[in-house]
Amino acid sequence: MGLRQMPAPDPMRLGAPDTACLAARERPAAILRLCGCIAAALATWSLRSGDTLLLWMERVRQRRALGSLSDHMLKDLGLSRSDTGFESGKRFWEG
């Protein structure tokens, strides 16, 4: 007796998932995860840049207020006019 060649089993009949179909179902999930990561990064960047902007605005306000103090008030704080001139002369991004 000779060997009979058996046909390959049909994956759809055996209930095995079609790899192309499986990849097509995973693709939207991967895109959603990527979009979620991008959205989180943008939100984090937005919050950090907003915080930095508020910090810079507060520095400008404080330095203007320091420059407008009278000599009597500066003496109470233990500062001289040259100290305030140095501090109020800084740029807003300088700490």
N, C-alpha and C. Protein backbone atom coordinates (compact mmCIF):
# COMPACT_ATOMS: atom_id res chain seq x y z
N MET A 1 0.83 -1.16 0.00
CA MET A 1 0.00 0.00 0.00
C MET A 1 0.88 1.23 0.00
N GLY A 2 0.47 2.19 -0.78
CA GLY A 2 1.20 3.44 -0.86
C GLY A 2 0.68 4.44 0.17
N LEU A 3 1.52 5.43 0.42
CA LEU A 3 1.12 6.47 1.36
C LEU A 3 0.16 7.43 0.68
N ARG A 4 -0.91 7.73 1.34
CA ARG A 4 -1.86 8.71 0.82
C ARG A 4 -1.57 10.06 1.41
N GLN A 5 -1.58 11.06 0.57
CA GLN A 5 -1.33 12.42 1.07
C GLN A 5 -2.65 13.01 1.55
N MET A 6 -2.64 13.47 2.77
CA MET A 6 -3.84 14.05 3.36
C MET A 6 -3.86 15.55 3.06
N PRO A 7 -5.01 16.09 2.76
CA PRO A 7 -5.09 17.53 2.55
C PRO A 7 -4.88 18.27 3.87
N ALA A 8 -4.35 19.48 3.77
CA ALA A 8 -4.12 20.30 4.97
C ALA A 8 -5.45 20.67 5.58
N PRO A 9 -5.53 20.66 6.90
CA PRO A 9 -6.80 20.97 7.54
C PRO A 9 -7.17 22.44 7.30
N ASP A 10 -8.45 22.69 7.15
CA ASP A 10 -8.96 24.04 6.94
C ASP A 10 -9.00 24.74 8.30
N PRO A 11 -8.28 25.87 8.47
CA PRO A 11 -8.25 26.52 9.78
C PRO A 11 -9.62 27.04 10.21
N MET A 12 -10.47 27.41 9.26
CA MET A 12 -11.78 27.94 9.63
C MET A 12 -12.67 26.83 10.20
N ARG A 13 -12.50 25.62 9.71
CA ARG A 13 -13.30 24.50 10.23
C ARG A 13 -12.86 24.10 11.62
N LEU A 14 -11.57 24.24 11.88
CA LEU A 14 -11.05 23.83 13.19
C LEU A 14 -11.25 24.89 14.25
N GLY A 15 -11.70 26.06 13.87
CA GLY A 15 -11.92 27.13 14.84
C GLY A 15 -10.68 27.94 15.12
N ALA A 16 -9.61 27.73 14.37
CA ALA A 16 -8.38 28.51 14.58
C ALA A 16 -8.60 29.90 13.99
N PRO A 17 -8.15 30.95 14.67
CA PRO A 17 -8.35 32.30 14.16
C PRO A 17 -7.49 32.55 12.93
N ASP A 18 -8.05 33.26 12.00
CA ASP A 18 -7.32 33.65 10.81
C ASP A 18 -6.34 34.75 11.21
N THR A 19 -5.08 34.59 10.88
CA THR A 19 -4.07 35.56 11.33
C THR A 19 -4.29 36.94 10.74
N ALA A 20 -4.76 37.03 9.50
CA ALA A 20 -5.04 38.33 8.90
C ALA A 20 -6.20 39.01 9.62
N CYS A 21 -7.20 38.22 9.97
CA CYS A 21 -8.35 38.77 10.68
C CYS A 21 -7.95 39.21 12.08
N LEU A 22 -7.10 38.43 12.73
CA LEU A 22 -6.63 38.77 14.07
C LEU A 22 -5.81 40.06 14.05
N ALA A 23 -4.94 40.20 13.05
CA ALA A 23 -4.13 41.42 12.94
C ALA A 23 -5.01 42.63 12.67
N ALA A 24 -6.04 42.46 11.89
CA ALA A 24 -6.95 43.57 11.59
C ALA A 24 -7.70 44.01 12.84
N ARG A 25 -7.99 43.08 13.74
CA ARG A 25 -8.68 43.45 14.98
C ARG A 25 -7.73 44.11 15.98
N GLU A 26 -6.45 43.76 15.95
CA GLU A 26 -5.49 44.34 16.89
C GLU A 26 -5.04 45.73 16.45
N ARG A 27 -5.12 46.03 15.17
CA ARG A 27 -4.63 47.31 14.66
C ARG A 27 -5.37 48.50 15.27
N PRO A 28 -6.71 48.52 15.34
CA PRO A 28 -7.38 49.67 15.96
C PRO A 28 -7.02 49.84 17.43
N ALA A 29 -6.83 48.75 18.14
CA ALA A 29 -6.45 48.84 19.55
C ALA A 29 -5.08 49.47 19.70
N ALA A 30 -4.16 49.11 18.81
CA ALA A 30 -2.82 49.70 18.86
C ALA A 30 -2.86 51.18 18.52
N ILE A 31 -3.69 51.54 17.57
CA ILE A 31 -3.83 52.96 17.20
C ILE A 31 -4.43 53.74 18.36
N LEU A 32 -5.42 53.16 19.03
CA LEU A 32 -6.02 53.83 20.19
C LEU A 32 -5.00 54.01 21.31
N ARG A 33 -4.18 53.00 21.55
CA ARG A 33 -3.15 53.13 22.59
C ARG A 33 -2.16 54.23 22.23
N LEU A 34 -1.76 54.28 20.96
CA LEU A 34 -0.84 55.32 20.50
C LEU A 34 -1.46 56.71 20.66
N CYS A 35 -2.71 56.84 20.26
CA CYS A 35 -3.40 58.14 20.41
C CYS A 35 -3.51 58.53 21.88
N GLY A 36 -3.74 57.55 22.73
CA GLY A 36 -3.81 57.83 24.17
C GLY A 36 -2.48 58.31 24.72
N CYS A 37 -1.40 57.70 24.26
CA CYS A 37 -0.06 58.13 24.70
C CYS A 37 0.25 59.54 24.21
N ILE A 38 -0.11 59.82 22.97
CA ILE A 38 0.13 61.16 22.42
C ILE A 38 -0.70 62.20 23.17
N ALA A 39 -1.95 61.87 23.45
CA ALA A 39 -2.82 62.80 24.18
C ALA A 39 -2.28 63.06 25.59
N ALA A 40 -1.79 62.02 26.24
CA ALA A 40 -1.23 62.18 27.58
C ALA A 40 0.02 63.06 27.55
N ALA A 41 0.85 62.86 26.54
CA ALA A 41 2.06 63.67 26.42
C ALA A 41 1.72 65.13 26.16
N LEU A 42 0.73 65.37 25.31
CA LEU A 42 0.32 66.75 25.04
C LEU A 42 -0.29 67.40 26.27
N ALA A 43 -1.07 66.65 27.02
CA ALA A 43 -1.67 67.20 28.24
C ALA A 43 -0.59 67.54 29.26
N THR A 44 0.39 66.66 29.41
CA THR A 44 1.49 66.91 30.34
C THR A 44 2.28 68.14 29.92
N TRP A 45 2.60 68.23 28.63
CA TRP A 45 3.33 69.39 28.13
C TRP A 45 2.54 70.67 28.34
N SER A 46 1.25 70.61 28.11
CA SER A 46 0.40 71.78 28.26
C SER A 46 0.38 72.25 29.73
N LEU A 47 0.26 71.31 30.65
CA LEU A 47 0.24 71.67 32.07
C LEU A 47 1.58 72.25 32.51
N ARG A 48 2.67 71.63 32.07
CA ARG A 48 4.00 72.12 32.45
C ARG A 48 4.27 73.50 31.88
N SER A 49 3.89 73.71 30.62
CA SER A 49 4.14 75.02 30.02
C SER A 49 3.25 76.07 30.68
N GLY A 50 2.03 75.70 31.06
CA GLY A 50 1.16 76.62 31.78
C GLY A 50 1.73 76.98 33.14
N ASP A 51 2.25 76.01 33.85
CA ASP A 51 2.88 76.27 35.16
C ASP A 51 4.09 77.18 35.01
N THR A 52 4.89 76.94 33.98
CA THR A 52 6.07 77.76 33.75
C THR A 52 5.66 79.20 33.44
N LEU A 53 4.64 79.36 32.63
CA LEU A 53 4.15 80.70 32.29
C LEU A 53 3.66 81.44 33.54
N LEU A 54 2.93 80.74 34.40
CA LEU A 54 2.46 81.36 35.64
C LEU A 54 3.62 81.73 36.56
N LEU A 55 4.64 80.89 36.62
CA LEU A 55 5.82 81.19 37.43
C LEU A 55 6.50 82.46 36.92
N TRP A 56 6.67 82.57 35.60
CA TRP A 56 7.31 83.75 35.02
C TRP A 56 6.49 85.01 35.29
N MET A 57 5.18 84.90 35.18
CA MET A 57 4.33 86.07 35.45
C MET A 57 4.43 86.50 36.91
N GLU A 58 4.51 85.53 37.81
CA GLU A 58 4.64 85.84 39.23
C GLU A 58 5.99 86.50 39.52
N ARG A 59 7.04 86.05 38.87
CA ARG A 59 8.35 86.68 39.05
C ARG A 59 8.33 88.13 38.60
N VAL A 60 7.71 88.39 37.46
CA VAL A 60 7.62 89.76 36.96
C VAL A 60 6.87 90.63 37.96
N ARG A 61 5.75 90.12 38.47
CA ARG A 61 4.95 90.88 39.44
C ARG A 61 5.74 91.17 40.71
N GLN A 62 6.43 90.16 41.24
CA GLN A 62 7.18 90.34 42.48
C GLN A 62 8.35 91.31 42.29
N ARG A 63 9.02 91.24 41.17
CA ARG A 63 10.16 92.12 40.94
C ARG A 63 9.72 93.56 40.74
N ARG A 64 8.58 93.75 40.09
CA ARG A 64 8.04 95.11 39.98
C ARG A 64 7.64 95.66 41.33
N ALA A 65 7.02 94.80 42.15
CA ALA A 65 6.61 95.23 43.48
C ALA A 65 7.83 95.55 44.34
N LEU A 66 8.87 94.78 44.22
CA LEU A 66 10.10 95.02 44.98
C LEU A 66 10.74 96.34 44.55
N GLY A 67 10.71 96.62 43.26
CA GLY A 67 11.29 97.87 42.77
C GLY A 67 10.49 99.10 43.17
N SER A 68 9.22 98.92 43.49
CA SER A 68 8.38 100.06 43.86
C SER A 68 8.35 100.34 45.37
N LEU A 69 9.03 99.54 46.17
CA LEU A 69 9.04 99.76 47.62
C LEU A 69 9.85 101.00 47.97
N SER A 70 9.41 101.66 49.03
CA SER A 70 10.13 102.85 49.50
C SER A 70 11.40 102.44 50.25
N ASP A 71 12.29 103.40 50.48
CA ASP A 71 13.53 103.12 51.21
C ASP A 71 13.24 102.66 52.63
N HIS A 72 12.21 103.22 53.22
CA HIS A 72 11.83 102.84 54.59
C HIS A 72 11.40 101.36 54.63
N MET A 73 10.60 100.95 53.67
CA MET A 73 10.17 99.54 53.62
C MET A 73 11.34 98.60 53.34
N LEU A 74 12.23 99.05 52.47
CA LEU A 74 13.41 98.23 52.17
C LEU A 74 14.29 98.06 53.41
N LYS A 75 14.39 99.14 54.19
CA LYS A 75 15.19 99.08 55.42
C LYS A 75 14.57 98.08 56.39
N ASP A 76 13.22 98.05 56.45
CA ASP A 76 12.54 97.07 57.31
C ASP A 76 12.83 95.63 56.88
N LEU A 77 12.99 95.44 55.59
CA LEU A 77 13.29 94.11 55.06
C LEU A 77 14.77 93.77 55.13
N GLY A 78 15.60 94.76 55.42
CA GLY A 78 17.04 94.53 55.48
C GLY A 78 17.68 94.53 54.11
N LEU A 79 17.07 95.26 53.16
CA LEU A 79 17.60 95.33 51.80
C LEU A 79 17.99 96.75 51.47
N SER A 80 18.93 96.88 50.55
CA SER A 80 19.31 98.21 50.08
C SER A 80 18.71 98.43 48.69
N ARG A 81 18.78 99.66 48.22
CA ARG A 81 18.25 99.98 46.90
C ARG A 81 19.05 99.23 45.81
N SER A 82 20.35 99.05 46.03
CA SER A 82 21.15 98.33 45.03
C SER A 82 20.78 96.84 44.98
N ASP A 83 20.41 96.26 46.13
CA ASP A 83 19.94 94.87 46.14
C ASP A 83 18.68 94.72 45.30
N THR A 84 17.76 95.65 45.48
CA THR A 84 16.50 95.56 44.72
C THR A 84 16.74 95.85 43.24
N GLY A 85 17.68 96.75 42.95
CA GLY A 85 17.99 97.03 41.54
C GLY A 85 18.55 95.81 40.84
N PHE A 86 19.39 95.08 41.55
CA PHE A 86 19.96 93.86 40.97
C PHE A 86 18.86 92.83 40.73
N GLU A 87 17.99 92.63 41.72
CA GLU A 87 16.94 91.62 41.61
C GLU A 87 15.89 92.01 40.58
N SER A 88 15.48 93.25 40.57
CA SER A 88 14.44 93.66 39.63
C SER A 88 14.98 93.81 38.21
N GLY A 89 16.28 93.83 38.06
CA GLY A 89 16.88 93.89 36.74
C GLY A 89 17.02 92.54 36.05
N LYS A 90 16.73 91.48 36.78
CA LYS A 90 16.82 90.13 36.19
C LYS A 90 15.71 89.93 35.17
N ARG A 91 15.97 89.07 34.21
CA ARG A 91 14.94 88.70 33.25
C ARG A 91 13.96 87.74 33.91
N PHE A 92 12.76 87.65 33.35
CA PHE A 92 11.71 86.86 34.00
C PHE A 92 12.03 85.37 34.05
N TRP A 93 12.86 84.87 33.16
CA TRP A 93 13.17 83.43 33.17
C TRP A 93 14.33 83.10 34.09
N GLU A 94 15.01 84.12 34.61
CA GLU A 94 16.13 83.89 35.51
C GLU A 94 15.61 83.71 36.92
N GLY A 95 16.07 82.65 37.57
CA GLY A 95 15.57 82.31 38.89
C GLY A 95 16.06 83.18 40.00
